[in-house]
Amino acid sequence: MGQQANEKRVGDNEARAYIKNIRISPQKLNLVAQMIRGQKAEKALVDLEFSRKRVAQDVRKALNSAIANAENNHGLDVDRLVISEASVGKSIVMRRFRARARGRGAKIEKFFSNLTIVVREKDA
């Protein structure tokens, strides 16, 4: 009589990692995510290691997590993993203001992002 189980969000040969509230705008994070889409997992890790973008380290941690999920939870071969999806979404926005002349205020918005990385085992 309990609650029904949620549907599986990934296929049998896939694993995913999801990170919430990364302190960078989605537009900037998407530049790094674009860099690794469709690549082999090994090459993407090397590219992220030597990227000059600050957020590349957070993306690298998420990719390592997805690879570990694939190996430990789904029993996939790490050497054949390909990044099938790297999607970026909006999260919360911190709103601040900066005092300006003559009693006015200027709006400052600090954006946060969500990141989902899905790795798939490529057929040999």
PDB file of N, CA and C in Angstrom:
ATOM      1  N   MET A   1       0.806  -1.196   0.000  1.00  0.00           N
ATOM      2  CA  MET A   1       0.000   0.000   0.000  1.00  0.00           C
ATOM      3  C   MET A   1       0.851   1.264   0.000  1.00  0.00           C
ATOM      4  N   GLY A   2       2.144   1.145   0.011  1.00  0.00           N
ATOM      5  CA  GLY A   2       3.008   2.322   0.121  1.00  0.00           C
ATOM      6  C   GLY A   2       3.089   3.114  -1.174  1.00  0.00           C
ATOM      7  N   GLN A   3       4.022   3.992  -1.166  1.00  0.00           N
ATOM      8  CA  GLN A   3       4.239   4.864  -2.318  1.00  0.00           C
ATOM      9  C   GLN A   3       4.946   4.080  -3.427  1.00  0.00           C
ATOM     10  N   GLN A   4       4.606   4.403  -4.677  1.00  0.00           N
ATOM     11  CA  GLN A   4       5.243   3.742  -5.811  1.00  0.00           C
ATOM     12  C   GLN A   4       6.683   4.227  -5.941  1.00  0.00           C
ATOM     13  N   ALA A   5       7.540   3.347  -6.424  1.00  0.00           N
ATOM     14  CA  ALA A   5       8.934   3.701  -6.629  1.00  0.00           C
ATOM     15  C   ALA A   5       9.056   4.660  -7.806  1.00  0.00           C
ATOM     16  N   ASN A   6      10.018   5.582  -7.704  1.00  0.00           N
ATOM     17  CA  ASN A   6      10.273   6.502  -8.800  1.00  0.00           C
ATOM     18  C   ASN A   6      10.848   5.755  -9.993  1.00  0.00           C
ATOM     19  N   GLU A   7      10.561   6.276 -11.175  1.00  0.00           N
ATOM     20  CA  GLU A   7      11.147   5.684 -12.375  1.00  0.00           C
ATOM     21  C   GLU A   7      12.643   5.952 -12.388  1.00  0.00           C
ATOM     22  N   LYS A   8      13.371   5.026 -13.002  1.00  0.00           N
ATOM     23  CA  LYS A   8      14.811   5.187 -13.118  1.00  0.00           C
ATOM     24  C   LYS A   8      15.106   6.322 -14.090  1.00  0.00           C
ATOM     25  N   ARG A   9      15.970   7.228 -13.678  1.00  0.00           N
ATOM     26  CA  ARG A   9      16.220   8.418 -14.494  1.00  0.00           C
ATOM     27  C   ARG A   9      17.292   8.206 -15.560  1.00  0.00           C
ATOM     28  N   VAL A  10      18.034   7.122 -15.451  1.00  0.00           N
ATOM     29  CA  VAL A  10      19.072   6.825 -16.440  1.00  0.00           C
ATOM     30  C   VAL A  10      18.891   5.405 -16.943  1.00  0.00           C
ATOM     31  N   GLY A  11      19.479   5.126 -18.094  1.00  0.00           N
ATOM     32  CA  GLY A  11      19.357   3.803 -18.683  1.00  0.00           C
ATOM     33  C   GLY A  11      20.234   2.776 -17.985  1.00  0.00           C
ATOM     34  N   ASP A  12      20.212   1.552 -18.504  1.00  0.00           N
ATOM     35  CA  ASP A  12      20.983   0.474 -17.889  1.00  0.00           C
ATOM     36  C   ASP A  12      22.487   0.669 -18.049  1.00  0.00           C
ATOM     37  N   ASN A  13      22.894   1.315 -19.143  1.00  0.00           N
ATOM     38  CA  ASN A  13      24.324   1.517 -19.377  1.00  0.00           C
ATOM     39  C   ASN A  13      24.738   2.961 -19.101  1.00  0.00           C
ATOM     40  N   GLU A  14      24.031   3.637 -18.187  1.00  0.00           N
ATOM     41  CA  GLU A  14      24.319   5.037 -17.881  1.00  0.00           C
ATOM     42  C   GLU A  14      24.435   5.237 -16.371  1.00  0.00           C
ATOM     43  N   ALA A  15      25.131   6.320 -16.004  1.00  0.00           N
ATOM     44  CA  ALA A  15      25.209   6.754 -14.609  1.00  0.00           C
ATOM     45  C   ALA A  15      25.237   8.271 -14.624  1.00  0.00           C
ATOM     46  N   ARG A  16      24.782   8.877 -13.517  1.00  0.00           N
ATOM     47  CA  ARG A  16      24.728  10.333 -13.508  1.00  0.00           C
ATOM     48  C   ARG A  16      25.199  10.882 -12.182  1.00  0.00           C
ATOM     49  N   ALA A  17      25.565  12.168 -12.229  1.00  0.00           N
ATOM     50  CA  ALA A  17      25.918  12.924 -11.028  1.00  0.00           C
ATOM     51  C   ALA A  17      25.243  14.285 -11.147  1.00  0.00           C
ATOM     52  N   TYR A  18      24.727  14.766 -10.019  1.00  0.00           N
ATOM     53  CA  TYR A  18      23.970  16.019 -10.006  1.00  0.00           C
ATOM     54  C   TYR A  18      24.522  16.896  -8.895  1.00  0.00           C
ATOM     55  N   ILE A  19      24.865  18.128  -9.227  1.00  0.00           N
ATOM     56  CA  ILE A  19      25.381  19.073  -8.241  1.00  0.00           C
ATOM     57  C   ILE A  19      24.472  20.286  -8.221  1.00  0.00           C
ATOM     58  N   LYS A  20      24.054  20.668  -7.004  1.00  0.00           N
ATOM     59  CA  LYS A  20      23.163  21.809  -6.855  1.00  0.00           C
ATOM     60  C   LYS A  20      23.935  23.005  -6.313  1.00  0.00           C
ATOM     61  N   ASN A  21      23.448  24.176  -6.665  1.00  0.00           N
ATOM     62  CA  ASN A  21      23.898  25.448  -6.090  1.00  0.00           C
ATOM     63  C   ASN A  21      25.403  25.691  -6.221  1.00  0.00           C
ATOM     64  N   ILE A  22      25.883  25.635  -7.460  1.00  0.00           N
ATOM     65  CA  ILE A  22      27.259  26.027  -7.750  1.00  0.00           C
ATOM     66  C   ILE A  22      27.263  27.543  -7.901  1.00  0.00           C
ATOM     67  N   ARG A  23      28.163  28.218  -7.224  1.00  0.00           N
ATOM     68  CA  ARG A  23      28.140  29.677  -7.181  1.00  0.00           C
ATOM     69  C   ARG A  23      28.805  30.277  -8.424  1.00  0.00           C
ATOM     70  N   ILE A  24      28.100  30.155  -9.541  1.00  0.00           N
ATOM     71  CA  ILE A  24      28.525  30.770 -10.803  1.00  0.00           C
ATOM     72  C   ILE A  24      27.288  30.859 -11.675  1.00  0.00           C
ATOM     73  N   SER A  25      27.290  31.800 -12.598  1.00  0.00           N
ATOM     74  CA  SER A  25      26.119  31.951 -13.445  1.00  0.00           C
ATOM     75  C   SER A  25      26.019  30.773 -14.418  1.00  0.00           C
ATOM     76  N   PRO A  26      24.803  30.404 -14.794  1.00  0.00           N
ATOM     77  CA  PRO A  26      24.637  29.285 -15.727  1.00  0.00           C
ATOM     78  C   PRO A  26      25.333  29.515 -17.065  1.00  0.00           C
ATOM     79  N   GLN A  27      25.391  30.760 -17.492  1.00  0.00           N
ATOM     80  CA  GLN A  27      26.020  31.069 -18.773  1.00  0.00           C
ATOM     81  C   GLN A  27      27.515  30.742 -18.744  1.00  0.00           C
ATOM     82  N   LYS A  28      28.185  31.061 -17.649  1.00  0.00           N
ATOM     83  CA  LYS A  28      29.616  30.771 -17.536  1.00  0.00           C
ATOM     84  C   LYS A  28      29.865  29.274 -17.349  1.00  0.00           C
ATOM     85  N   LEU A  29      29.003  28.627 -16.586  1.00  0.00           N
ATOM     86  CA  LEU A  29      29.159  27.189 -16.373  1.00  0.00           C
ATOM     87  C   LEU A  29      28.923  26.414 -17.661  1.00  0.00           C
ATOM     88  N   ASN A  30      28.015  26.891 -18.486  1.00  0.00           N
ATOM     89  CA  ASN A  30      27.712  26.209 -19.736  1.00  0.00           C
ATOM     90  C   ASN A  30      28.900  26.225 -20.696  1.00  0.00           C
ATOM     91  N   LEU A  31      29.764  27.235 -20.608  1.00  0.00           N
ATOM     92  CA  LEU A  31      30.964  27.274 -21.453  1.00  0.00           C
ATOM     93  C   LEU A  31      31.873  26.086 -21.149  1.00  0.00           C
ATOM     94  N   VAL A  32      31.989  25.740 -19.871  1.00  0.00           N
ATOM     95  CA  VAL A  32      32.831  24.614 -19.487  1.00  0.00           C
ATOM     96  C   VAL A  32      32.122  23.298 -19.810  1.00  0.00           C
ATOM     97  N   ALA A  33      30.805  23.235 -19.585  1.00  0.00           N
ATOM     98  CA  ALA A  33      30.062  22.019 -19.893  1.00  0.00           C
ATOM     99  C   ALA A  33      30.092  21.725 -21.392  1.00  0.00           C
ATOM    100  N   GLN A  34      30.050  22.763 -22.204  1.00  0.00           N
ATOM    101  CA  GLN A  34      30.109  22.614 -23.662  1.00  0.00           C
ATOM    102  C   GLN A  34      31.426  21.975 -24.088  1.00  0.00           C
ATOM    103  N   MET A  35      32.475  22.285 -23.338  1.00  0.00           N
ATOM    104  CA  MET A  35      33.813  21.807 -23.667  1.00  0.00           C
ATOM    105  C   MET A  35      33.917  20.286 -23.550  1.00  0.00           C
ATOM    106  N   ILE A  36      33.117  19.672 -22.658  1.00  0.00           N
ATOM    107  CA  ILE A  36      33.278  18.236 -22.409  1.00  0.00           C
ATOM    108  C   ILE A  36      32.160  17.384 -23.003  1.00  0.00           C
ATOM    109  N   ARG A  37      31.116  17.977 -23.551  1.00  0.00           N
ATOM    110  CA  ARG A  37      30.001  17.188 -24.081  1.00  0.00           C
ATOM    111  C   ARG A  37      30.460  16.288 -25.214  1.00  0.00           C
ATOM    112  N   GLY A  38      30.088  15.012 -25.141  1.00  0.00           N
ATOM    113  CA  GLY A  38      30.396  14.067 -26.206  1.00  0.00           C
ATOM    114  C   GLY A  38      31.791  13.499 -26.173  1.00  0.00           C
ATOM    115  N   GLN A  39      32.630  13.902 -25.222  1.00  0.00           N
ATOM    116  CA  GLN A  39      34.004  13.417 -25.173  1.00  0.00           C
ATOM    117  C   GLN A  39      34.097  12.134 -24.358  1.00  0.00           C
ATOM    118  N   LYS A  40      35.198  11.435 -24.532  1.00  0.00           N
ATOM    119  CA  LYS A  40      35.491  10.303 -23.655  1.00  0.00           C
ATOM    120  C   LYS A  40      35.799  10.852 -22.267  1.00  0.00           C
ATOM    121  N   ALA A  41      35.500  10.069 -21.251  1.00  0.00           N
ATOM    122  CA  ALA A  41      35.649  10.538 -19.873  1.00  0.00           C
ATOM    123  C   ALA A  41      37.110  10.868 -19.540  1.00  0.00           C
ATOM    124  N   GLU A  42      38.048  10.059 -20.015  1.00  0.00           N
ATOM    125  CA  GLU A  42      39.468  10.303 -19.739  1.00  0.00           C
ATOM    126  C   GLU A  42      39.925  11.638 -20.312  1.00  0.00           C
ATOM    127  N   LYS A  43      39.549  11.890 -21.560  1.00  0.00           N
ATOM    128  CA  LYS A  43      39.972  13.134 -22.223  1.00  0.00           C
ATOM    129  C   LYS A  43      39.321  14.343 -21.566  1.00  0.00           C
ATOM    130  N   ALA A  44      38.078  14.197 -21.149  1.00  0.00           N
ATOM    131  CA  ALA A  44      37.388  15.302 -20.494  1.00  0.00           C
ATOM    132  C   ALA A  44      38.044  15.646 -19.158  1.00  0.00           C
ATOM    133  N   LEU A  45      38.489  14.630 -18.412  1.00  0.00           N
ATOM    134  CA  LEU A  45      39.178  14.890 -17.152  1.00  0.00           C
ATOM    135  C   LEU A  45      40.475  15.650 -17.372  1.00  0.00           C
ATOM    136  N   VAL A  46      41.206  15.294 -18.419  1.00  0.00           N
ATOM    137  CA  VAL A  46      42.456  15.998 -18.722  1.00  0.00           C
ATOM    138  C   VAL A  46      42.166  17.431 -19.138  1.00  0.00           C
ATOM    139  N   ASP A  47      41.146  17.636 -19.964  1.00  0.00           N
ATOM    140  CA  ASP A  47      40.798  18.990 -20.394  1.00  0.00           C
ATOM    141  C   ASP A  47      40.394  19.866 -19.216  1.00  0.00           C
ATOM    142  N   LEU A  48      39.632  19.297 -18.289  1.00  0.00           N
ATOM    143  CA  LEU A  48      39.202  20.060 -17.126  1.00  0.00           C
ATOM    144  C   LEU A  48      40.365  20.339 -16.180  1.00  0.00           C
ATOM    145  N   GLU A  49      41.309  19.415 -16.104  1.00  0.00           N
ATOM    146  CA  GLU A  49      42.465  19.605 -15.226  1.00  0.00           C
ATOM    147  C   GLU A  49      43.279  20.829 -15.633  1.00  0.00           C
ATOM    148  N   PHE A  50      43.394  21.054 -16.938  1.00  0.00           N
ATOM    149  CA  PHE A  50      44.236  22.139 -17.428  1.00  0.00           C
ATOM    150  C   PHE A  50      43.451  23.344 -17.925  1.00  0.00           C
ATOM    151  N   SER A  51      42.174  23.375 -17.650  1.00  0.00           N
ATOM    152  CA  SER A  51      41.367  24.531 -18.039  1.00  0.00           C
ATOM    153  C   SER A  51      41.663  25.708 -17.117  1.00  0.00           C
ATOM    154  N   ARG A  52      41.595  26.903 -17.653  1.00  0.00           N
ATOM    155  CA  ARG A  52      41.879  28.094 -16.859  1.00  0.00           C
ATOM    156  C   ARG A  52      40.638  28.654 -16.177  1.00  0.00           C
ATOM    157  N   LYS A  53      39.478  28.068 -16.447  1.00  0.00           N
ATOM    158  CA  LYS A  53      38.235  28.534 -15.825  1.00  0.00           C
ATOM    159  C   LYS A  53      38.167  28.049 -14.380  1.00  0.00           C
ATOM    160  N   ARG A  54      37.694  28.902 -13.478  1.00  0.00           N
ATOM    161  CA  ARG A  54      37.611  28.560 -12.063  1.00  0.00           C
ATOM    162  C   ARG A  54      36.647  27.406 -11.810  1.00  0.00           C
ATOM    163  N   VAL A  55      35.528  27.393 -12.521  1.00  0.00           N
ATOM    164  CA  VAL A  55      34.492  26.399 -12.277  1.00  0.00           C
ATOM    165  C   VAL A  55      34.870  25.020 -12.821  1.00  0.00           C
ATOM    166  N   ALA A  56      35.949  24.935 -13.574  1.00  0.00           N
ATOM    167  CA  ALA A  56      36.355  23.649 -14.147  1.00  0.00           C
ATOM    168  C   ALA A  56      36.657  22.626 -13.057  1.00  0.00           C
ATOM    169  N   GLN A  57      37.135  23.069 -11.899  1.00  0.00           N
ATOM    170  CA  GLN A  57      37.424  22.133 -10.810  1.00  0.00           C
ATOM    171  C   GLN A  57      36.141  21.515 -10.253  1.00  0.00           C
ATOM    172  N   ASP A  58      35.073  22.318 -10.160  1.00  0.00           N
ATOM    173  CA  ASP A  58      33.786  21.784  -9.702  1.00  0.00           C
ATOM    174  C   ASP A  58      33.203  20.797 -10.714  1.00  0.00           C
ATOM    175  N   VAL A  59      33.357  21.106 -11.992  1.00  0.00           N
ATOM    176  CA  VAL A  59      32.863  20.201 -13.039  1.00  0.00           C
ATOM    177  C   VAL A  59      33.666  18.907 -13.020  1.00  0.00           C
ATOM    178  N   ARG A  60      34.967  19.008 -12.757  1.00  0.00           N
ATOM    179  CA  ARG A  60      35.818  17.821 -12.685  1.00  0.00           C
ATOM    180  C   ARG A  60      35.387  16.917 -11.521  1.00  0.00           C
ATOM    181  N   LYS A  61      35.040  17.527 -10.382  1.00  0.00           N
ATOM    182  CA  LYS A  61      34.554  16.738  -9.247  1.00  0.00           C
ATOM    183  C   LYS A  61      33.251  16.020  -9.600  1.00  0.00           C
ATOM    184  N   ALA A  62      32.364  16.717 -10.302  1.00  0.00           N
ATOM    185  CA  ALA A  62      31.101  16.097 -10.705  1.00  0.00           C
ATOM    186  C   ALA A  62      31.344  14.948 -11.676  1.00  0.00           C
ATOM    187  N   LEU A  63      32.277  15.129 -12.600  1.00  0.00           N
ATOM    188  CA  LEU A  63      32.588  14.070 -13.565  1.00  0.00           C
ATOM    189  C   LEU A  63      33.210  12.865 -12.864  1.00  0.00           C
ATOM    190  N   ASN A  64      34.102  13.104 -11.904  1.00  0.00           N
ATOM    191  CA  ASN A  64      34.671  12.001 -11.129  1.00  0.00           C
ATOM    192  C   ASN A  64      33.587  11.258 -10.363  1.00  0.00           C
ATOM    193  N   SER A  65      32.605  11.989  -9.847  1.00  0.00           N
ATOM    194  CA  SER A  65      31.497  11.370  -9.133  1.00  0.00           C
ATOM    195  C   SER A  65      30.656  10.507 -10.066  1.00  0.00           C
ATOM    196  N   ALA A  66      30.399  11.000 -11.275  1.00  0.00           N
ATOM    197  CA  ALA A  66      29.618  10.230 -12.248  1.00  0.00           C
ATOM    198  C   ALA A  66      30.370   8.971 -12.660  1.00  0.00           C
ATOM    199  N   ILE A  67      31.682   9.077 -12.806  1.00  0.00           N
ATOM    200  CA  ILE A  67      32.485   7.911 -13.168  1.00  0.00           C
ATOM    201  C   ILE A  67      32.470   6.888 -12.032  1.00  0.00           C
ATOM    202  N   ALA A  68      32.589   7.361 -10.796  1.00  0.00           N
ATOM    203  CA  ALA A  68      32.547   6.454  -9.642  1.00  0.00           C
ATOM    204  C   ALA A  68      31.175   5.800  -9.513  1.00  0.00           C
ATOM    205  N   ASN A  69      30.104   6.549  -9.781  1.00  0.00           N
ATOM    206  CA  ASN A  69      28.760   5.965  -9.756  1.00  0.00           C
ATOM    207  C   ASN A  69      28.626   4.876 -10.812  1.00  0.00           C
ATOM    208  N   ALA A  70      29.192   5.127 -11.987  1.00  0.00           N
ATOM    209  CA  ALA A  70      29.113   4.144 -13.071  1.00  0.00           C
ATOM    210  C   ALA A  70      29.839   2.863 -12.696  1.00  0.00           C
ATOM    211  N   GLU A  71      30.994   3.019 -12.064  1.00  0.00           N
ATOM    212  CA  GLU A  71      31.801   1.846 -11.728  1.00  0.00           C
ATOM    213  C   GLU A  71      31.213   1.084 -10.541  1.00  0.00           C
ATOM    214  N   ASN A  72      30.869   1.784  -9.477  1.00  0.00           N
ATOM    215  CA  ASN A  72      30.476   1.113  -8.234  1.00  0.00           C
ATOM    216  C   ASN A  72      28.999   0.744  -8.185  1.00  0.00           C
ATOM    217  N   ASN A  73      28.121   1.621  -8.684  1.00  0.00           N
ATOM    218  CA  ASN A  73      26.683   1.372  -8.556  1.00  0.00           C
ATOM    219  C   ASN A  73      26.097   0.606  -9.736  1.00  0.00           C
ATOM    220  N   HIS A  74      26.682   0.800 -10.926  1.00  0.00           N
ATOM    221  CA  HIS A  74      26.094   0.205 -12.125  1.00  0.00           C
ATOM    222  C   HIS A  74      26.998  -0.846 -12.776  1.00  0.00           C
ATOM    223  N   GLY A  75      28.226  -0.991 -12.290  1.00  0.00           N
ATOM    224  CA  GLY A  75      29.132  -2.017 -12.813  1.00  0.00           C
ATOM    225  C   GLY A  75      29.569  -1.781 -14.242  1.00  0.00           C
ATOM    226  N   LEU A  76      29.754  -0.543 -14.647  1.00  0.00           N
ATOM    227  CA  LEU A  76      30.156  -0.230 -16.020  1.00  0.00           C
ATOM    228  C   LEU A  76      31.677  -0.180 -16.126  1.00  0.00           C
ATOM    229  N   ASP A  77      32.177  -0.348 -17.353  1.00  0.00           N
ATOM    230  CA  ASP A  77      33.616  -0.305 -17.611  1.00  0.00           C
ATOM    231  C   ASP A  77      34.048   1.154 -17.740  1.00  0.00           C
ATOM    232  N   VAL A  78      35.000   1.558 -16.900  1.00  0.00           N
ATOM    233  CA  VAL A  78      35.413   2.962 -16.841  1.00  0.00           C
ATOM    234  C   VAL A  78      36.113   3.400 -18.126  1.00  0.00           C
ATOM    235  N   ASP A  79      36.825   2.478 -18.778  1.00  0.00           N
ATOM    236  CA  ASP A  79      37.595   2.846 -19.971  1.00  0.00           C
ATOM    237  C   ASP A  79      36.719   3.140 -21.179  1.00  0.00           C
ATOM    238  N   ARG A  80      35.451   2.702 -21.150  1.00  0.00           N
ATOM    239  CA  ARG A  80      34.563   2.918 -22.302  1.00  0.00           C
ATOM    240  C   ARG A  80      33.498   3.976 -22.048  1.00  0.00           C
ATOM    241  N   LEU A  81      33.669   4.801 -21.015  1.00  0.00           N
ATOM    242  CA  LEU A  81      32.651   5.800 -20.688  1.00  0.00           C
ATOM    243  C   LEU A  81      32.782   7.040 -21.568  1.00  0.00           C
ATOM    244  N   VAL A  82      31.631   7.534 -22.012  1.00  0.00           N
ATOM    245  CA  VAL A  82      31.536   8.754 -22.816  1.00  0.00           C
ATOM    246  C   VAL A  82      30.520   9.665 -22.144  1.00  0.00           C
ATOM    247  N   ILE A  83      30.780  10.966 -22.165  1.00  0.00           N
ATOM    248  CA  ILE A  83      29.837  11.916 -21.571  1.00  0.00           C
ATOM    249  C   ILE A  83      28.704  12.124 -22.557  1.00  0.00           C
ATOM    250  N   SER A  84      27.544  11.591 -22.235  1.00  0.00           N
ATOM    251  CA  SER A  84      26.411  11.685 -23.145  1.00  0.00           C
ATOM    252  C   SER A  84      25.608  12.955 -22.908  1.00  0.00           C
ATOM    253  N   GLU A  85      25.655  13.485 -21.702  1.00  0.00           N
ATOM    254  CA  GLU A  85      24.872  14.690 -21.398  1.00  0.00           C
ATOM    255  C   GLU A  85      25.587  15.483 -20.315  1.00  0.00           C
ATOM    256  N   ALA A  86      25.683  16.788 -20.511  1.00  0.00           N
ATOM    257  CA  ALA A  86      26.188  17.713 -19.496  1.00  0.00           C
ATOM    258  C   ALA A  86      25.271  18.927 -19.556  1.00  0.00           C
ATOM    259  N   SER A  87      24.263  18.935 -18.691  1.00  0.00           N
ATOM    260  CA  SER A  87      23.264  19.998 -18.771  1.00  0.00           C
ATOM    261  C   SER A  87      23.392  20.934 -17.578  1.00  0.00           C
ATOM    262  N   VAL A  88      23.125  22.193 -17.849  1.00  0.00           N
ATOM    263  CA  VAL A  88      23.242  23.255 -16.856  1.00  0.00           C
ATOM    264  C   VAL A  88      21.873  23.881 -16.674  1.00  0.00           C
ATOM    265  N   GLY A  89      21.512  24.152 -15.422  1.00  0.00           N
ATOM    266  CA  GLY A  89      20.230  24.778 -15.142  1.00  0.00           C
ATOM    267  C   GLY A  89      20.376  25.905 -14.138  1.00  0.00           C
ATOM    268  N   LYS A  90      19.363  26.736 -14.087  1.00  0.00           N
ATOM    269  CA  LYS A  90      19.359  27.844 -13.138  1.00  0.00           C
ATOM    270  C   LYS A  90      18.994  27.332 -11.757  1.00  0.00           C
ATOM    271  N   SER A  91      19.519  27.994 -10.755  1.00  0.00           N
ATOM    272  CA  SER A  91      19.165  27.698  -9.382  1.00  0.00           C
ATOM    273  C   SER A  91      18.723  29.009  -8.728  1.00  0.00           C
ATOM    274  N   ILE A  92      19.025  29.164  -7.466  1.00  0.00           N
ATOM    275  CA  ILE A  92      18.577  30.363  -6.757  1.00  0.00           C
ATOM    276  C   ILE A  92      19.347  31.594  -7.212  1.00  0.00           C
ATOM    277  N   VAL A  93      18.825  32.763  -6.905  1.00  0.00           N
ATOM    278  CA  VAL A  93      19.493  34.027  -7.185  1.00  0.00           C
ATOM    279  C   VAL A  93      19.521  34.822  -5.889  1.00  0.00           C
ATOM    280  N   MET A  94      20.725  35.175  -5.440  1.00  0.00           N
ATOM    281  CA  MET A  94      20.840  36.063  -4.278  1.00  0.00           C
ATOM    282  C   MET A  94      20.718  37.491  -4.783  1.00  0.00           C
ATOM    283  N   ARG A  95      19.842  38.243  -4.178  1.00  0.00           N
ATOM    284  CA  ARG A  95      19.675  39.630  -4.600  1.00  0.00           C
ATOM    285  C   ARG A  95      20.235  40.548  -3.531  1.00  0.00           C
ATOM    286  N   ARG A  96      21.122  41.428  -3.945  1.00  0.00           N
ATOM    287  CA  ARG A  96      21.741  42.407  -3.058  1.00  0.00           C
ATOM    288  C   ARG A  96      21.542  43.777  -3.670  1.00  0.00           C
ATOM    289  N   PHE A  97      21.865  44.806  -2.920  1.00  0.00           N
ATOM    290  CA  PHE A  97      21.844  46.122  -3.530  1.00  0.00           C
ATOM    291  C   PHE A  97      23.070  46.889  -3.087  1.00  0.00           C
ATOM    292  N   ARG A  98      23.462  47.835  -3.930  1.00  0.00           N
ATOM    293  CA  ARG A  98      24.603  48.687  -3.644  1.00  0.00           C
ATOM    294  C   ARG A  98      24.089  50.104  -3.551  1.00  0.00           C
ATOM    295  N   ALA A  99      24.453  50.779  -2.494  1.00  0.00           N
ATOM    296  CA  ALA A  99      24.011  52.157  -2.296  1.00  0.00           C
ATOM    297  C   ALA A  99      24.645  53.050  -3.359  1.00  0.00           C
ATOM    298  N   ARG A 100      23.826  53.914  -3.925  1.00  0.00           N
ATOM    299  CA  ARG A 100      24.287  54.840  -4.957  1.00  0.00           C
ATOM    300  C   ARG A 100      23.994  56.262  -4.500  1.00  0.00           C
ATOM    301  N   ALA A 101      24.307  57.185  -5.337  1.00  0.00           N
ATOM    302  CA  ALA A 101      24.167  58.593  -4.972  1.00  0.00           C
ATOM    303  C   ALA A 101      22.698  58.990  -4.837  1.00  0.00           C
ATOM    304  N   ARG A 102      22.453  59.985  -4.055  1.00  0.00           N
ATOM    305  CA  ARG A 102      21.148  60.617  -3.879  1.00  0.00           C
ATOM    306  C   ARG A 102      20.094  59.640  -3.364  1.00  0.00           C
ATOM    307  N   GLY A 103      20.505  58.714  -2.505  1.00  0.00           N
ATOM    308  CA  GLY A 103      19.562  57.832  -1.843  1.00  0.00           C
ATOM    309  C   GLY A 103      19.023  56.687  -2.676  1.00  0.00           C
ATOM    310  N   ARG A 104      19.624  56.440  -3.818  1.00  0.00           N
ATOM    311  CA  ARG A 104      19.141  55.349  -4.667  1.00  0.00           C
ATOM    312  C   ARG A 104      19.921  54.072  -4.393  1.00  0.00           C
ATOM    313  N   GLY A 105      19.485  52.995  -5.001  1.00  0.00           N
ATOM    314  CA  GLY A 105      20.187  51.721  -4.872  1.00  0.00           C
ATOM    315  C   GLY A 105      20.274  51.034  -6.212  1.00  0.00           C
ATOM    316  N   ALA A 106      21.354  50.304  -6.421  1.00  0.00           N
ATOM    317  CA  ALA A 106      21.531  49.537  -7.657  1.00  0.00           C
ATOM    318  C   ALA A 106      21.425  48.053  -7.324  1.00  0.00           C
ATOM    319  N   LYS A 107      20.710  47.310  -8.147  1.00  0.00           N
ATOM    320  CA  LYS A 107      20.477  45.889  -7.917  1.00  0.00           C
ATOM    321  C   LYS A 107      21.707  45.080  -8.318  1.00  0.00           C
ATOM    322  N   ILE A 108      22.097  44.153  -7.446  1.00  0.00           N
ATOM    323  CA  ILE A 108      23.163  43.198  -7.748  1.00  0.00           C
ATOM    324  C   ILE A 108      22.563  41.811  -7.606  1.00  0.00           C
ATOM    325  N   GLU A 109      22.685  40.988  -8.659  1.00  0.00           N
ATOM    326  CA  GLU A 109      22.157  39.630  -8.630  1.00  0.00           C
ATOM    327  C   GLU A 109      23.324  38.644  -8.695  1.00  0.00           C
ATOM    328  N   LYS A 110      23.342  37.716  -7.756  1.00  0.00           N
ATOM    329  CA  LYS A 110      24.392  36.700  -7.711  1.00  0.00           C
ATOM    330  C   LYS A 110      23.739  35.366  -8.043  1.00  0.00           C
ATOM    331  N   PHE A 111      24.088  34.831  -9.200  1.00  0.00           N
ATOM    332  CA  PHE A 111      23.419  33.642  -9.732  1.00  0.00           C
ATOM    333  C   PHE A 111      24.087  32.360  -9.244  1.00  0.00           C
ATOM    334  N   PHE A 112      23.266  31.333  -9.089  1.00  0.00           N
ATOM    335  CA  PHE A 112      23.720  29.981  -8.770  1.00  0.00           C
ATOM    336  C   PHE A 112      23.239  29.052  -9.880  1.00  0.00           C
ATOM    337  N   SER A 113      23.924  27.911 -10.028  1.00  0.00           N
ATOM    338  CA  SER A 113      23.610  26.985 -11.120  1.00  0.00           C
ATOM    339  C   SER A 113      23.514  25.562 -10.599  1.00  0.00           C
ATOM    340  N   ASN A 114      22.853  24.713 -11.383  1.00  0.00           N
ATOM    341  CA  ASN A 114      22.825  23.272 -11.160  1.00  0.00           C
ATOM    342  C   ASN A 114      23.511  22.596 -12.346  1.00  0.00           C
ATOM    343  N   LEU A 115      24.147  21.471 -12.088  1.00  0.00           N
ATOM    344  CA  LEU A 115      24.870  20.751 -13.136  1.00  0.00           C
ATOM    345  C   LEU A 115      24.523  19.269 -13.066  1.00  0.00           C
ATOM    346  N   THR A 116      24.158  18.698 -14.211  1.00  0.00           N
ATOM    347  CA  THR A 116      23.901  17.266 -14.317  1.00  0.00           C
ATOM    348  C   THR A 116      24.834  16.687 -15.369  1.00  0.00           C
ATOM    349  N   ILE A 117      25.582  15.656 -14.982  1.00  0.00           N
ATOM    350  CA  ILE A 117      26.470  14.970 -15.922  1.00  0.00           C
ATOM    351  C   ILE A 117      26.029  13.513 -16.006  1.00  0.00           C
ATOM    352  N   VAL A 118      25.778  13.052 -17.235  1.00  0.00           N
ATOM    353  CA  VAL A 118      25.400  11.661 -17.477  1.00  0.00           C
ATOM    354  C   VAL A 118      26.482  11.025 -18.332  1.00  0.00           C
ATOM    355  N   VAL A 119      27.033   9.913 -17.852  1.00  0.00           N
ATOM    356  CA  VAL A 119      28.018   9.166 -18.632  1.00  0.00           C
ATOM    357  C   VAL A 119      27.392   7.863 -19.105  1.00  0.00           C
ATOM    358  N   ARG A 120      27.776   7.470 -20.286  1.00  0.00           N
ATOM    359  CA  ARG A 120      27.202   6.256 -20.915  1.00  0.00           C
ATOM    360  C   ARG A 120      28.363   5.348 -21.339  1.00  0.00           C
ATOM    361  N   GLU A 121      28.145   4.052 -21.179  1.00  0.00           N
ATOM    362  CA  GLU A 121      29.153   3.090 -21.626  1.00  0.00           C
ATOM    363  C   GLU A 121      28.966   2.882 -23.123  1.00  0.00           C
ATOM    364  N   LYS A 122      30.004   3.187 -23.874  1.00  0.00           N
ATOM    365  CA  LYS A 122      29.957   3.064 -25.321  1.00  0.00           C
ATOM    366  C   LYS A 122      30.225   1.620 -25.709  1.00  0.00           C
ATOM    367  N   ASP A 123      29.490   1.135 -26.698  1.00  0.00           N
ATOM    368  CA  ASP A 123      29.675  -0.242 -27.167  1.00  0.00           C
ATOM    369  C   ASP A 123      31.049  -0.378 -27.812  1.00  0.00           C
ATOM    370  N   ALA A 124      31.686  -1.504 -27.547  1.00  0.00           N
ATOM    371  CA  ALA A 124      33.056  -1.712 -28.059  1.00  0.00           C
ATOM    372  C   ALA A 124      33.085  -1.928 -29.547  1.00  0.00           C
TER     373      ALA A 124
END
